[in-house]
């Protein structure tokens, strides 16, 4: 038996869980002199967020007073945007550089 798995007050505790080794379905089996019962499966999945692609983006021009659309394609991730786990991916833009052009009069 793997020593990373222990039972604490009837709960399964996995020490130092690893995606490759521990992802899967777990069920509790209870047995006594009256019979045997098995719980519904608990599915263990690991969340992840890959890096953005290293490709450079083409510059976009924005004009004062006119809206501009900057698309944000998030990298591959789990859980997806339709997850009910409350761990949905949040995206936002951060201004990293301001370029201003001044006309000499």
N, C-alpha and C. Protein backbone atom coordinates (compact mmCIF):
# COMPACT_ATOMS: atom_id res chain seq x y z
N UNK A 1 0.84 -1.19 0.00
CA UNK A 1 0.00 0.00 0.00
C UNK A 1 0.88 1.25 0.00
N UNK A 2 0.44 2.26 -0.72
CA UNK A 2 1.16 3.53 -0.83
C UNK A 2 1.03 4.29 0.50
N UNK A 3 2.16 4.65 1.11
CA UNK A 3 2.14 5.33 2.41
C UNK A 3 1.63 6.77 2.33
N UNK A 4 1.46 7.30 1.10
CA UNK A 4 0.91 8.65 0.96
C UNK A 4 -0.58 8.67 1.26
N UNK A 5 -1.24 7.51 1.20
CA UNK A 5 -2.68 7.41 1.46
C UNK A 5 -2.90 7.01 2.91
N UNK A 6 -3.67 7.82 3.65
CA UNK A 6 -4.01 7.48 5.03
C UNK A 6 -5.49 7.78 5.26
N UNK A 7 -6.08 7.09 6.23
CA UNK A 7 -7.45 7.37 6.65
C UNK A 7 -7.40 8.14 7.96
N UNK A 8 -8.03 9.31 7.98
CA UNK A 8 -8.09 10.14 9.18
C UNK A 8 -9.56 10.41 9.46
N UNK A 9 -10.06 9.85 10.56
CA UNK A 9 -11.47 9.99 10.96
C UNK A 9 -12.41 9.64 9.81
N UNK A 10 -12.08 8.58 9.08
CA UNK A 10 -12.93 8.12 7.98
C UNK A 10 -12.73 8.86 6.67
N UNK A 11 -11.81 9.82 6.62
CA UNK A 11 -11.54 10.58 5.40
C UNK A 11 -10.23 10.12 4.78
N UNK A 12 -10.21 10.01 3.46
CA UNK A 12 -8.98 9.66 2.75
C UNK A 12 -8.12 10.91 2.62
N UNK A 13 -6.87 10.83 3.06
CA UNK A 13 -5.92 11.94 2.94
C UNK A 13 -4.79 11.46 2.04
N UNK A 14 -4.51 12.24 0.99
CA UNK A 14 -3.42 11.92 0.07
C UNK A 14 -2.33 12.95 0.30
N UNK A 15 -1.20 12.51 0.84
CA UNK A 15 -0.08 13.41 1.09
C UNK A 15 0.70 13.61 -0.21
N UNK A 16 1.07 14.85 -0.49
CA UNK A 16 1.82 15.21 -1.70
C UNK A 16 1.17 14.62 -2.96
N UNK A 17 -0.10 14.97 -3.23
CA UNK A 17 -0.77 14.41 -4.41
C UNK A 17 -0.07 14.80 -5.71
N UNK A 18 -0.10 13.90 -6.67
CA UNK A 18 0.50 14.11 -7.98
C UNK A 18 -0.53 13.80 -9.05
N UNK A 19 -0.59 14.65 -10.05
CA UNK A 19 -1.59 14.50 -11.11
C UNK A 19 -1.51 13.14 -11.79
N UNK A 20 -0.32 12.71 -12.18
CA UNK A 20 -0.18 11.46 -12.93
C UNK A 20 -0.57 10.26 -12.08
N UNK A 21 -0.21 10.27 -10.81
CA UNK A 21 -0.46 9.11 -9.95
C UNK A 21 -1.84 9.09 -9.32
N UNK A 22 -2.41 10.27 -9.02
CA UNK A 22 -3.59 10.30 -8.17
C UNK A 22 -4.89 10.71 -8.85
N UNK A 23 -4.84 11.22 -10.09
CA UNK A 23 -6.07 11.56 -10.80
C UNK A 23 -6.91 10.29 -10.96
N UNK A 24 -8.20 10.40 -10.70
CA UNK A 24 -9.04 9.23 -10.89
C UNK A 24 -10.29 9.26 -10.04
N UNK A 25 -10.91 8.10 -9.94
CA UNK A 25 -12.17 7.93 -9.22
C UNK A 25 -11.90 7.18 -7.92
N UNK A 26 -12.47 7.68 -6.83
CA UNK A 26 -12.29 7.07 -5.50
C UNK A 26 -13.66 6.76 -4.91
N UNK A 27 -13.77 5.60 -4.25
CA UNK A 27 -15.01 5.23 -3.58
C UNK A 27 -14.69 4.67 -2.20
N UNK A 28 -15.61 4.89 -1.27
CA UNK A 28 -15.47 4.38 0.08
C UNK A 28 -16.26 3.08 0.19
N UNK A 29 -15.63 2.05 0.71
CA UNK A 29 -16.26 0.75 0.90
C UNK A 29 -16.42 0.51 2.39
N UNK A 30 -17.65 0.32 2.85
CA UNK A 30 -17.93 0.07 4.27
C UNK A 30 -18.49 -1.35 4.42
N UNK A 31 -17.91 -2.11 5.33
CA UNK A 31 -18.32 -3.50 5.54
C UNK A 31 -18.49 -3.75 7.04
N UNK A 32 -19.61 -4.38 7.41
CA UNK A 32 -19.78 -4.89 8.77
C UNK A 32 -20.61 -6.17 8.69
N UNK A 33 -21.02 -6.73 9.83
CA UNK A 33 -21.73 -8.00 9.83
C UNK A 33 -23.11 -7.91 9.18
N UNK A 34 -23.62 -6.67 9.01
CA UNK A 34 -24.94 -6.49 8.39
C UNK A 34 -24.86 -6.38 6.87
N UNK A 35 -23.67 -6.17 6.34
CA UNK A 35 -23.58 -6.07 4.90
C UNK A 35 -22.43 -5.19 4.43
N UNK A 36 -22.50 -4.85 3.17
CA UNK A 36 -21.48 -4.05 2.51
C UNK A 36 -22.16 -2.95 1.72
N UNK A 37 -21.56 -1.78 1.73
CA UNK A 37 -22.09 -0.66 0.93
C UNK A 37 -20.90 0.12 0.36
N UNK A 38 -21.12 0.67 -0.82
CA UNK A 38 -20.06 1.45 -1.47
C UNK A 38 -20.62 2.83 -1.80
N UNK A 39 -19.79 3.85 -1.61
CA UNK A 39 -20.23 5.23 -1.84
C UNK A 39 -20.26 5.56 -3.33
N UNK A 40 -20.89 6.69 -3.63
CA UNK A 40 -20.78 7.21 -4.99
C UNK A 40 -19.33 7.61 -5.22
N UNK A 41 -18.93 7.63 -6.47
CA UNK A 41 -17.53 7.94 -6.80
C UNK A 41 -17.23 9.42 -6.57
N UNK A 42 -16.05 9.67 -6.04
CA UNK A 42 -15.50 11.03 -5.93
C UNK A 42 -14.41 11.11 -6.99
N UNK A 43 -14.54 12.06 -7.91
CA UNK A 43 -13.59 12.20 -9.00
C UNK A 43 -12.53 13.23 -8.61
N UNK A 44 -11.26 12.86 -8.68
CA UNK A 44 -10.16 13.77 -8.37
C UNK A 44 -9.49 14.19 -9.67
N UNK A 45 -9.53 15.50 -9.94
CA UNK A 45 -8.87 16.08 -11.11
C UNK A 45 -7.99 17.22 -10.62
N UNK A 46 -6.95 17.51 -11.34
CA UNK A 46 -6.02 18.58 -10.98
C UNK A 46 -6.19 19.74 -11.94
N UNK A 47 -6.27 20.95 -11.40
CA UNK A 47 -6.36 22.13 -12.24
C UNK A 47 -5.00 22.48 -12.82
N UNK A 48 -5.02 23.16 -13.97
CA UNK A 48 -3.77 23.61 -14.58
C UNK A 48 -4.03 24.84 -15.43
N UNK A 49 -2.97 25.57 -15.69
CA UNK A 49 -3.02 26.75 -16.55
C UNK A 49 -1.70 26.80 -17.31
N UNK A 50 -1.77 26.50 -18.61
CA UNK A 50 -0.56 26.52 -19.44
C UNK A 50 -0.13 27.97 -19.70
N UNK A 51 1.09 28.15 -20.18
CA UNK A 51 1.59 29.48 -20.52
C UNK A 51 0.90 30.02 -21.76
N UNK A 52 0.89 31.36 -21.89
CA UNK A 52 0.45 31.96 -23.14
C UNK A 52 1.43 31.55 -24.23
N UNK A 53 0.98 31.45 -25.50
CA UNK A 53 1.91 31.12 -26.57
C UNK A 53 2.99 32.20 -26.70
N UNK A 54 4.21 31.83 -27.09
CA UNK A 54 5.30 32.79 -27.18
C UNK A 54 5.21 33.71 -28.40
N UNK A 55 4.24 33.47 -29.28
CA UNK A 55 4.10 34.28 -30.49
C UNK A 55 3.90 35.74 -30.13
N UNK A 56 4.53 36.62 -30.90
CA UNK A 56 4.32 38.05 -30.66
C UNK A 56 3.01 38.47 -31.31
N UNK A 57 2.40 39.50 -30.75
CA UNK A 57 1.14 40.01 -31.28
C UNK A 57 1.43 41.16 -32.23
N UNK A 58 0.58 41.30 -33.24
CA UNK A 58 0.73 42.42 -34.15
C UNK A 58 0.26 43.69 -33.46
N UNK A 59 0.94 44.82 -33.69
CA UNK A 59 0.50 46.08 -33.09
C UNK A 59 -0.89 46.46 -33.60
N UNK A 60 -1.68 47.08 -32.74
CA UNK A 60 -2.99 47.57 -33.12
C UNK A 60 -3.01 49.07 -32.87
N UNK A 61 -3.68 49.80 -33.74
CA UNK A 61 -3.78 51.24 -33.61
C UNK A 61 -5.14 51.60 -33.03
N UNK A 62 -5.13 52.47 -32.04
CA UNK A 62 -6.38 52.96 -31.45
C UNK A 62 -6.39 54.48 -31.61
N UNK A 63 -7.56 55.01 -31.87
CA UNK A 63 -7.71 56.45 -32.05
C UNK A 63 -8.54 57.02 -30.92
N UNK A 64 -8.15 58.18 -30.44
CA UNK A 64 -8.85 58.83 -29.34
C UNK A 64 -10.32 59.02 -29.69
N UNK A 65 -11.18 58.65 -28.76
CA UNK A 65 -12.62 58.82 -28.95
C UNK A 65 -13.29 57.68 -29.70
N UNK A 66 -12.51 56.71 -30.17
CA UNK A 66 -13.07 55.55 -30.89
C UNK A 66 -12.65 54.30 -30.13
N UNK A 67 -13.58 53.40 -29.92
CA UNK A 67 -13.29 52.17 -29.19
C UNK A 67 -12.31 51.27 -29.94
N UNK A 68 -11.63 50.43 -29.20
CA UNK A 68 -10.71 49.46 -29.78
C UNK A 68 -10.98 48.11 -29.13
N UNK A 69 -10.81 47.03 -29.88
CA UNK A 69 -11.02 45.68 -29.37
C UNK A 69 -9.69 44.95 -29.35
N UNK A 70 -9.28 44.51 -28.17
CA UNK A 70 -8.07 43.71 -28.01
C UNK A 70 -8.49 42.33 -27.51
N UNK A 71 -8.36 41.32 -28.36
CA UNK A 71 -8.79 39.98 -28.00
C UNK A 71 -7.80 39.33 -27.03
N UNK A 72 -8.32 38.62 -26.07
CA UNK A 72 -7.49 37.86 -25.14
C UNK A 72 -7.88 36.40 -25.27
N UNK A 73 -7.03 35.62 -25.89
CA UNK A 73 -7.26 34.18 -26.02
C UNK A 73 -6.51 33.50 -24.88
N UNK A 74 -7.22 33.06 -23.84
CA UNK A 74 -6.53 32.45 -22.71
C UNK A 74 -5.85 31.15 -23.11
N UNK A 75 -4.77 30.80 -22.43
CA UNK A 75 -4.10 29.53 -22.72
C UNK A 75 -4.97 28.35 -22.30
N UNK A 76 -4.57 27.16 -22.70
CA UNK A 76 -5.30 25.94 -22.34
C UNK A 76 -5.29 25.82 -20.82
N UNK A 77 -6.47 25.48 -20.24
CA UNK A 77 -6.59 25.43 -18.79
C UNK A 77 -7.70 24.48 -18.37
N UNK A 78 -7.67 24.09 -17.10
CA UNK A 78 -8.74 23.31 -16.47
C UNK A 78 -8.87 23.82 -15.05
N UNK A 79 -10.05 24.05 -14.52
CA UNK A 79 -11.34 23.83 -15.16
C UNK A 79 -11.63 24.88 -16.21
N UNK A 80 -12.56 24.54 -17.11
CA UNK A 80 -12.94 25.43 -18.20
C UNK A 80 -13.81 26.58 -17.72
N UNK A 81 -14.17 27.45 -18.63
CA UNK A 81 -14.98 28.63 -18.29
C UNK A 81 -16.39 28.30 -17.86
N UNK A 82 -16.85 27.08 -18.12
CA UNK A 82 -18.22 26.69 -17.76
C UNK A 82 -18.24 25.82 -16.52
N UNK A 83 -17.17 25.86 -15.74
CA UNK A 83 -17.06 25.04 -14.54
C UNK A 83 -18.01 25.53 -13.45
N UNK A 84 -18.54 24.60 -12.68
CA UNK A 84 -19.39 24.96 -11.54
C UNK A 84 -18.60 24.92 -10.24
N UNK A 85 -17.27 24.73 -10.33
CA UNK A 85 -16.45 24.59 -9.13
C UNK A 85 -16.12 25.92 -8.48
N UNK A 86 -16.41 27.04 -9.15
CA UNK A 86 -16.03 28.34 -8.61
C UNK A 86 -14.58 28.69 -8.92
N UNK A 87 -13.90 27.86 -9.69
CA UNK A 87 -12.50 28.09 -10.03
C UNK A 87 -12.35 28.51 -11.48
N UNK A 88 -13.26 29.33 -11.97
CA UNK A 88 -13.22 29.74 -13.36
C UNK A 88 -12.04 30.67 -13.61
N UNK A 89 -11.52 30.63 -14.83
CA UNK A 89 -10.40 31.47 -15.23
C UNK A 89 -10.87 32.91 -15.36
N UNK A 90 -10.16 33.82 -14.74
CA UNK A 90 -10.44 35.25 -14.84
C UNK A 90 -9.37 35.88 -15.70
N UNK A 91 -9.76 36.71 -16.66
CA UNK A 91 -8.78 37.39 -17.50
C UNK A 91 -8.99 38.89 -17.37
N UNK A 92 -7.91 39.64 -17.49
CA UNK A 92 -7.99 41.09 -17.48
C UNK A 92 -6.76 41.62 -18.21
N UNK A 93 -6.80 42.88 -18.54
CA UNK A 93 -5.67 43.52 -19.22
C UNK A 93 -4.92 44.39 -18.24
N UNK A 94 -3.61 44.41 -18.36
CA UNK A 94 -2.75 45.25 -17.54
C UNK A 94 -1.99 46.17 -18.48
N UNK A 95 -2.01 47.45 -18.23
CA UNK A 95 -1.27 48.39 -19.07
C UNK A 95 0.19 48.34 -18.64
N UNK A 96 1.06 47.96 -19.59
CA UNK A 96 2.47 47.81 -19.25
C UNK A 96 3.34 48.91 -19.83
N UNK A 97 2.82 49.65 -20.80
CA UNK A 97 3.61 50.70 -21.41
C UNK A 97 2.67 51.75 -21.99
N UNK A 98 2.98 53.00 -21.79
CA UNK A 98 2.18 54.07 -22.37
C UNK A 98 3.05 54.81 -23.39
N UNK A 99 2.56 54.88 -24.61
CA UNK A 99 3.27 55.59 -25.66
C UNK A 99 2.44 56.81 -26.02
N UNK A 100 3.04 57.99 -25.94
CA UNK A 100 2.33 59.22 -26.28
C UNK A 100 3.12 59.95 -27.36
N UNK A 101 2.40 60.44 -28.33
CA UNK A 101 3.04 61.22 -29.39
C UNK A 101 2.69 62.68 -29.17
N UNK A 102 3.69 63.54 -29.26
CA UNK A 102 3.48 64.97 -29.09
C UNK A 102 3.82 65.67 -30.40
N UNK A 103 2.99 66.60 -30.80
CA UNK A 103 3.26 67.39 -32.00
C UNK A 103 4.00 68.66 -31.58
N UNK A 104 5.05 68.96 -32.28
CA UNK A 104 5.77 70.21 -32.03
C UNK A 104 5.10 71.33 -32.81
N UNK A 105 4.73 72.39 -32.13
CA UNK A 105 4.06 73.52 -32.79
C UNK A 105 5.03 74.66 -32.93
